[in-house]
Amino acid sequence: MESPAVTFTLAYLVFAVCFVFPPDEVRSAGLTVQSLLAAWLGSEDAAFVQYHLRRSTGTLLAHSLLPLAVTSALAYYWSRKGWNNHPLARTLAVHALPQSGWRAVASSINTEFRRIDKFATGAPGARVIVTDTWVIKVTTYCLHVAQQQDIHLTVTDSRQHELTPDSNVPVQFLTIRVASINPYVKAFDIRLNSTEYGELREKLRAPISNAANVVIHQSLSDLFLETFTSLVEINQTYSVPSTQELEPCIGCMQTIANIKLIKNCQDPNEGECQQCYCRPMWCLTCMGKWFASRQDQQHPETWLSSQVPCPTCRAKFCILDVCIIR
C-alpha cells in the first residue's frame, strides 16, 4: 500500500479503538454508542433492563460495522483513477517500460494467460501460473508477479505427505523460491507437486537450482518406493544363519541382497499371502520396484494394501512380509 492508504488505515484504527474504548475526551464530545443512539435507547432510569437490551444490541451492531466501513473505504480508494491505487496495479507498474504503464503489463499477462500452453496448478487460493514471460502466484488477496528473464529459482524445501484429501497415495510437495534481480520485486515462494516439476521446468527459461539437495520424485513409482522403504524398515527383521553367505542382488547386481520374504501379516494358513522359501536374493530397492511394477497403474490407492508374487517362486506376499536382513 502507498502512504495515503496507510495513513487512512492508521487514522481509522485510532478512531475505532477510541470508539470501542472511549476515553473521557470522546465521552464528553458525545461520540459513544449511548450518545448517538440516545433517542432509541430511551431512559435507563425508566426501564433499566429494556434500556440495556437495546444498548447491548446497538453496541454490537455499531462495533460490527467498523471493519465493514474501513473495508468499504479502502475498496473505494483502490477503485479510484481507474484502479491506479490498487496494490496489484502498483505491483504491475514496476514491470512496465518507461513509456508505458501497468495496463500494458496487464494486457501482456491477459494475452499469455489465454494461451493453452501455459503451466497452471494449485488450489484457487494458492495457484501457480507460468506463461512464456511471467511467473505468477495467486493468493487469496494478492498476486505476486515476476518476469521470467529476471528471476532465479531455487528449491528450498520438500515435504512428503503419506495421504492427501484427493488420493490415498504419498505426495511430495516442493517449495521453490522465486527471486528477481529487479529490486522492486519481492521474492516469493511457490509450492507444487513433485510430479509437476518436469512440466514446470519445460515452461521456465531459467534453470532451477537445488540448494537444499532435495531428492525430487517426479513419478508415482519414485514416491511409492520411498514409502515402501519406510514401511519395510519398521517391519520385523530377519537374521541369516552364520553359515549362510549373502550374494549380490540378482536384480541390480550392485547391492548385496538384504531382504527376506517371511509371512508375518497373518497366521500361516490364513489370507492370500503365502510363505516364501527362497533364500535372500533381492535388495530392498529392487524388491520395491518389483512390487510397484505389479500394481494396477490406474488405481494407485490400492498399492500399499495389495499382494504380489515373489519374483522367484511366485508365492504371494504383501508389504508386511518384507523383512530387512540384520
Protein backbone atom coordinates (compact mmCIF):
# COMPACT_ATOMS: atom_id res chain seq x y z
CA MET A 1 0.00 0.00 0.00
CA GLU A 2 1.10 3.55 -0.66
CA SER A 3 1.25 6.16 2.13
CA PRO A 4 -2.34 7.56 1.65
CA ALA A 5 -3.83 4.13 2.30
CA VAL A 6 -1.50 3.54 5.23
CA THR A 7 -2.32 6.93 6.72
CA PHE A 8 -6.05 6.34 6.37
CA THR A 9 -5.81 2.86 7.88
CA LEU A 10 -3.84 4.08 10.90
CA ALA A 11 -6.18 7.00 11.43
CA TYR A 12 -9.22 4.76 11.22
CA LEU A 13 -7.61 2.28 13.61
CA VAL A 14 -7.16 5.05 16.18
CA PHE A 15 -10.77 6.11 15.66
CA ALA A 16 -12.03 2.53 16.05
CA VAL A 17 -10.11 2.00 19.29
CA CYS A 18 -11.43 5.26 20.71
CA PHE A 19 -14.95 4.34 19.62
CA VAL A 20 -14.84 0.89 21.22
CA PHE A 21 -12.94 2.03 24.34
CA PRO A 22 -13.87 5.72 24.56
CA PRO A 23 -11.65 7.93 26.74
CA ASP A 24 -13.09 10.81 28.71
CA GLU A 25 -12.49 13.28 25.90
CA VAL A 26 -14.53 11.16 23.47
CA ARG A 27 -17.29 10.67 26.03
CA SER A 28 -17.51 14.41 26.66
CA ALA A 29 -17.77 15.02 22.91
CA GLY A 30 -20.74 12.64 22.74
CA LEU A 31 -19.07 10.15 20.37
CA THR A 32 -20.30 6.99 22.07
CA VAL A 33 -22.93 4.46 21.16
CA GLN A 34 -25.10 5.55 24.08
CA SER A 35 -24.98 9.19 23.00
CA LEU A 36 -25.51 8.55 19.30
CA LEU A 37 -28.45 6.21 19.93
CA ALA A 38 -29.91 8.10 22.90
CA ALA A 39 -33.28 8.67 21.24
CA TRP A 40 -33.73 4.95 20.52
CA LEU A 41 -32.32 3.67 23.80
CA GLY A 42 -34.67 5.69 25.97
CA SER A 43 -34.13 6.33 29.68
CA GLU A 44 -32.11 3.95 31.83
CA ASP A 45 -33.98 5.16 34.93
CA ALA A 46 -37.40 4.44 33.44
CA ALA A 47 -36.68 0.88 32.22
CA PHE A 48 -33.25 -0.38 33.21
CA VAL A 49 -33.46 -3.88 31.66
CA GLN A 50 -35.07 -2.75 28.41
CA TYR A 51 -32.51 0.05 28.11
CA HIS A 52 -29.60 -2.39 28.31
CA LEU A 53 -31.27 -4.84 25.94
CA ARG A 54 -31.27 -2.10 23.32
CA ARG A 55 -27.87 -0.72 24.37
CA SER A 56 -26.06 -4.08 24.07
CA THR A 57 -27.75 -4.76 20.72
CA GLY A 58 -26.90 -1.33 19.36
CA THR A 59 -23.31 -1.56 20.60
CA LEU A 60 -22.82 -4.95 18.95
CA LEU A 61 -24.23 -3.65 15.68
CA ALA A 62 -22.13 -0.47 15.74
CA HIS A 63 -18.91 -2.31 16.53
CA SER A 64 -19.56 -4.94 13.84
CA LEU A 65 -19.85 -2.18 11.25
CA LEU A 66 -16.36 -0.84 11.95
CA PRO A 67 -14.47 -3.44 9.84
CA LEU A 68 -17.06 -3.15 7.07
CA ALA A 69 -16.64 0.61 6.98
CA VAL A 70 -12.87 0.55 6.65
CA THR A 71 -13.05 -2.25 4.08
CA SER A 72 -15.56 -0.33 2.00
CA ALA A 73 -13.49 2.85 2.21
CA LEU A 74 -10.34 1.00 1.20
CA ALA A 75 -12.10 -0.68 -1.73
CA TYR A 76 -13.38 2.71 -2.87
CA TYR A 77 -9.88 4.20 -2.65
CA TRP A 78 -8.42 1.33 -4.70
CA SER A 79 -11.04 1.71 -7.42
CA ARG A 80 -10.42 5.42 -7.95
CA LYS A 81 -8.50 6.72 -11.00
CA GLY A 82 -9.21 3.57 -12.97
CA TRP A 83 -7.79 1.24 -10.28
CA ASN A 84 -4.44 3.06 -10.29
CA ASN A 85 -4.41 2.98 -6.48
CA HIS A 86 -4.84 -0.79 -6.24
CA PRO A 87 -1.79 -2.70 -4.87
CA LEU A 88 -1.88 -5.03 -7.89
CA ALA A 89 -1.66 -2.07 -10.27
CA ARG A 90 1.41 -0.86 -8.38
CA THR A 91 2.87 -4.38 -8.48
CA LEU A 92 2.50 -4.50 -12.26
CA ALA A 93 3.80 -0.95 -12.70
CA VAL A 94 7.33 -1.96 -11.65
CA HIS A 95 7.49 -4.20 -14.74
CA ALA A 96 6.31 -1.51 -17.16
CA LEU A 97 8.58 0.16 -19.68
CA PRO A 98 9.27 3.88 -19.15
CA GLN A 99 6.85 4.90 -21.91
CA SER A 100 4.03 2.64 -20.74
CA GLY A 101 2.12 1.83 -17.56
CA TRP A 102 0.71 -1.06 -15.61
CA ARG A 103 -2.10 -1.58 -18.13
CA ALA A 104 0.42 -2.64 -20.79
CA VAL A 105 1.76 -5.26 -18.38
CA ALA A 106 -1.79 -6.36 -17.57
CA SER A 107 -2.53 -6.71 -21.30
CA SER A 108 0.56 -8.88 -21.77
CA ILE A 109 -0.42 -11.14 -18.87
CA ASN A 110 -4.03 -11.39 -20.09
CA THR A 111 -2.91 -12.38 -23.58
CA GLU A 112 -0.48 -15.03 -22.40
CA PHE A 113 -2.92 -16.43 -19.83
CA ARG A 114 -5.42 -17.16 -22.60
CA ARG A 115 -2.94 -19.44 -24.33
CA ILE A 116 -3.40 -23.16 -23.82
CA ASP A 117 0.31 -23.87 -23.35
CA LYS A 118 0.62 -22.09 -20.00
CA PHE A 119 1.56 -24.02 -16.86
CA ALA A 120 -1.09 -23.75 -14.14
CA THR A 121 -1.50 -25.69 -10.92
CA GLY A 122 -2.72 -25.33 -7.35
CA ALA A 123 -5.92 -24.57 -5.47
CA PRO A 124 -7.80 -21.29 -6.13
CA GLY A 125 -6.18 -19.57 -3.13
CA ALA A 126 -2.65 -20.75 -3.92
CA ARG A 127 -2.31 -21.04 -7.69
CA VAL A 128 0.93 -21.04 -9.64
CA ILE A 129 0.81 -19.86 -13.25
CA VAL A 130 3.77 -19.73 -15.63
CA THR A 131 3.43 -18.22 -19.10
CA ASP A 132 6.07 -17.51 -21.73
CA THR A 133 7.06 -14.25 -19.98
CA TRP A 134 5.61 -14.30 -16.45
CA VAL A 135 5.70 -16.31 -13.24
CA ILE A 136 2.61 -15.60 -11.16
CA LYS A 137 1.48 -16.73 -7.71
CA VAL A 138 -2.19 -16.15 -6.94
CA THR A 139 -3.14 -15.91 -3.26
CA THR A 140 -6.41 -15.02 -1.59
CA TYR A 141 -5.82 -11.27 -1.51
CA CYS A 142 -2.97 -10.52 -3.89
CA LEU A 143 -0.82 -11.53 -6.85
CA HIS A 144 2.93 -11.99 -6.91
CA VAL A 145 4.35 -11.35 -10.37
CA ALA A 146 7.88 -11.80 -11.71
CA GLN A 147 9.30 -11.64 -15.21
CA GLN A 148 10.98 -14.84 -16.38
CA GLN A 149 14.05 -13.09 -17.74
CA ASP A 150 14.75 -11.53 -14.31
CA ILE A 151 14.35 -14.48 -11.96
CA HIS A 152 16.46 -17.05 -10.17
CA LEU A 153 14.70 -20.16 -8.90
CA THR A 154 15.83 -22.37 -6.03
CA VAL A 155 14.31 -25.49 -4.49
CA THR A 156 14.35 -24.71 -0.78
CA ASP A 157 12.21 -27.39 0.83
CA SER A 158 10.44 -30.68 0.29
CA ARG A 159 7.56 -32.17 2.27
CA GLN A 160 6.16 -35.62 1.77
CA HIS A 161 2.61 -36.47 2.81
CA GLU A 162 1.57 -40.08 3.04
CA LEU A 163 -2.09 -39.26 2.36
CA THR A 164 -3.86 -36.32 0.76
CA PRO A 165 -7.58 -35.41 0.60
CA ASP A 166 -7.65 -36.29 -3.10
CA SER A 167 -5.93 -39.67 -3.01
CA ASN A 168 -4.52 -42.38 -0.80
CA VAL A 169 -1.04 -42.30 -2.30
CA PRO A 170 2.03 -40.46 -0.99
CA VAL A 171 2.63 -36.99 -2.40
CA GLN A 172 5.79 -34.88 -2.37
CA PHE A 173 5.40 -31.09 -2.38
CA LEU A 174 8.29 -28.85 -3.38
CA THR A 175 8.83 -25.26 -2.27
CA ILE A 176 10.63 -23.13 -4.86
CA ARG A 177 11.92 -19.65 -4.13
CA VAL A 178 11.40 -17.12 -6.92
CA ALA A 179 13.82 -14.20 -6.59
CA SER A 180 14.06 -11.35 -9.10
CA ILE A 181 17.02 -9.17 -9.94
CA ASN A 182 14.54 -6.29 -10.10
CA PRO A 183 14.95 -4.57 -6.69
CA TYR A 184 11.28 -3.54 -6.65
CA VAL A 185 10.02 -7.13 -6.92
CA LYS A 186 9.83 -9.02 -3.64
CA ALA A 187 10.89 -12.66 -3.63
CA PHE A 188 8.12 -15.21 -3.14
CA ASP A 189 7.68 -18.96 -2.77
CA ILE A 190 5.67 -21.27 -4.98
CA ARG A 191 4.58 -24.77 -3.96
CA LEU A 192 3.74 -27.64 -6.26
CA ASN A 193 3.53 -31.41 -6.52
CA SER A 194 6.85 -33.02 -7.47
CA THR A 195 5.13 -34.88 -10.32
CA GLU A 196 4.57 -31.47 -11.95
CA TYR A 197 8.21 -30.45 -11.61
CA GLY A 198 9.19 -31.66 -15.08
CA GLU A 199 6.34 -29.75 -16.74
CA LEU A 200 7.31 -26.60 -14.82
CA ARG A 201 10.94 -26.84 -15.94
CA GLU A 202 9.86 -27.13 -19.57
CA LYS A 203 7.96 -23.85 -19.30
CA LEU A 204 10.71 -21.92 -17.50
CA ARG A 205 13.60 -20.22 -19.24
CA ALA A 206 15.82 -20.11 -16.17
CA PRO A 207 17.26 -23.26 -14.56
CA ILE A 208 16.14 -24.33 -11.09
CA SER A 209 18.96 -24.77 -8.61
CA ASN A 210 18.66 -27.26 -5.77
CA ALA A 211 20.44 -25.59 -2.87
CA ALA A 212 18.92 -27.92 -0.28
CA ASN A 213 19.96 -31.08 -2.21
CA VAL A 214 16.33 -32.19 -2.22
CA VAL A 215 15.62 -35.58 -3.80
CA ILE A 216 12.80 -34.86 -6.23
CA HIS A 217 10.44 -37.70 -7.03
CA GLN A 218 8.99 -36.93 -10.43
CA SER A 219 6.96 -40.12 -10.82
CA LEU A 220 4.43 -42.05 -8.76
CA SER A 221 6.80 -45.03 -8.67
CA ASP A 222 9.52 -42.88 -7.09
CA LEU A 223 7.12 -41.75 -4.38
CA PHE A 224 5.89 -45.27 -3.77
CA LEU A 225 9.43 -46.62 -3.49
CA GLU A 226 10.24 -44.16 -0.70
CA THR A 227 7.05 -45.07 1.16
CA PHE A 228 7.67 -48.79 0.58
CA THR A 229 11.15 -48.45 2.10
CA SER A 230 9.92 -46.54 5.15
CA LEU A 231 7.22 -49.14 5.85
CA VAL A 232 9.56 -52.09 5.44
CA GLU A 233 12.05 -50.52 7.83
CA ILE A 234 9.54 -50.84 10.68
CA ASN A 235 8.72 -54.49 9.87
CA GLN A 236 10.13 -57.45 11.72
CA THR A 237 13.76 -58.08 10.76
CA TYR A 238 15.42 -61.35 9.69
CA SER A 239 18.72 -62.75 10.92
CA VAL A 240 20.56 -65.01 8.48
CA PRO A 241 22.34 -68.12 9.79
CA SER A 242 26.04 -67.60 10.36
CA THR A 243 26.79 -70.27 7.76
CA GLN A 244 24.85 -68.53 5.00
CA GLU A 245 26.72 -66.12 2.76
CA LEU A 246 24.73 -63.35 1.13
CA GLU A 247 25.14 -62.82 -2.61
CA PRO A 248 24.63 -59.73 -4.78
CA CYS A 249 21.04 -58.82 -5.63
CA ILE A 250 20.01 -60.62 -8.81
CA GLY A 251 18.01 -57.54 -9.86
CA CYS A 252 20.77 -54.93 -9.94
CA MET A 253 23.93 -56.99 -9.22
CA GLN A 254 25.28 -53.94 -7.40
CA THR A 255 23.95 -54.29 -3.84
CA ILE A 256 24.18 -57.29 -1.53
CA ALA A 257 20.79 -58.97 -1.09
CA ASN A 258 19.31 -57.54 2.09
CA ILE A 259 15.67 -58.67 2.34
CA LYS A 260 13.84 -61.93 3.02
CA LEU A 261 10.15 -62.68 2.46
CA ILE A 262 8.53 -64.11 5.59
CA LYS A 263 4.78 -64.30 6.10
CA ASN A 264 4.10 -62.00 9.06
CA CYS A 265 0.80 -60.40 8.07
CA GLN A 266 -1.39 -63.31 9.27
CA ASP A 267 -1.21 -66.84 10.59
CA PRO A 268 0.40 -69.36 8.19
CA ASN A 269 -2.90 -70.78 6.89
CA GLU A 270 -4.87 -67.52 6.72
CA GLY A 271 -5.21 -64.90 3.99
CA GLU A 272 -3.90 -64.74 0.44
CA CYS A 273 -0.24 -64.34 1.34
CA GLN A 274 1.96 -67.43 1.24
CA GLN A 275 5.24 -68.45 2.81
CA CYS A 276 8.25 -67.90 0.55
CA TYR A 277 11.12 -70.37 0.94
CA CYS A 278 13.59 -68.60 -1.33
CA ARG A 279 16.96 -67.62 0.06
CA PRO A 280 17.72 -63.87 0.19
CA MET A 281 18.34 -62.84 -3.42
CA TRP A 282 16.98 -59.29 -3.69
CA CYS A 283 17.81 -55.87 -2.29
CA LEU A 284 15.15 -53.61 -0.84
CA THR A 285 15.18 -51.16 -3.75
CA CYS A 286 14.76 -53.82 -6.42
CA MET A 287 12.00 -55.54 -4.44
CA GLY A 288 10.21 -52.20 -4.11
CA LYS A 289 10.47 -51.64 -7.87
CA TRP A 290 9.15 -55.15 -8.49
CA PHE A 291 6.25 -54.54 -6.10
CA ALA A 292 5.36 -51.27 -7.88
CA SER A 293 5.62 -52.81 -11.35
CA ARG A 294 2.98 -55.44 -10.48
CA GLN A 295 0.37 -52.86 -9.45
CA ASP A 296 -2.65 -51.51 -11.29
CA GLN A 297 -1.34 -48.17 -12.56
CA GLN A 298 -4.89 -46.78 -12.77
CA HIS A 299 -5.60 -47.37 -9.08
CA PRO A 300 -2.55 -46.29 -7.04
CA GLU A 301 -4.69 -46.08 -3.90
CA THR A 302 -4.60 -49.90 -3.72
CA TRP A 303 -0.84 -50.34 -3.95
CA LEU A 304 0.01 -50.35 -0.25
CA SER A 305 -2.62 -52.97 0.60
CA SER A 306 -2.11 -55.33 -2.34
CA GLN A 307 -0.30 -58.66 -2.72
CA VAL A 308 2.19 -59.54 -5.45
CA PRO A 309 4.01 -62.79 -6.33
CA CYS A 310 7.60 -63.39 -5.32
CA PRO A 311 9.75 -62.66 -8.41
CA THR A 312 11.41 -66.06 -7.97
CA CYS A 313 8.92 -68.63 -6.62
CA ARG A 314 5.65 -66.73 -7.24
CA ALA A 315 4.43 -67.07 -3.65
CA LYS A 316 2.15 -64.12 -2.87
CA PHE A 317 3.32 -61.57 -0.30
CA CYS A 318 2.41 -58.07 0.95
CA ILE A 319 4.50 -55.22 2.36
CA LEU A 320 4.21 -56.60 5.90
CA ASP A 321 6.03 -59.77 4.75
CA VAL A 322 9.17 -57.96 3.55
CA CYS A 323 11.89 -58.25 6.22
CA ILE A 324 15.23 -56.48 6.21
CA ILE A 325 18.24 -58.64 6.98
CA ARG A 326 20.16 -57.51 10.06
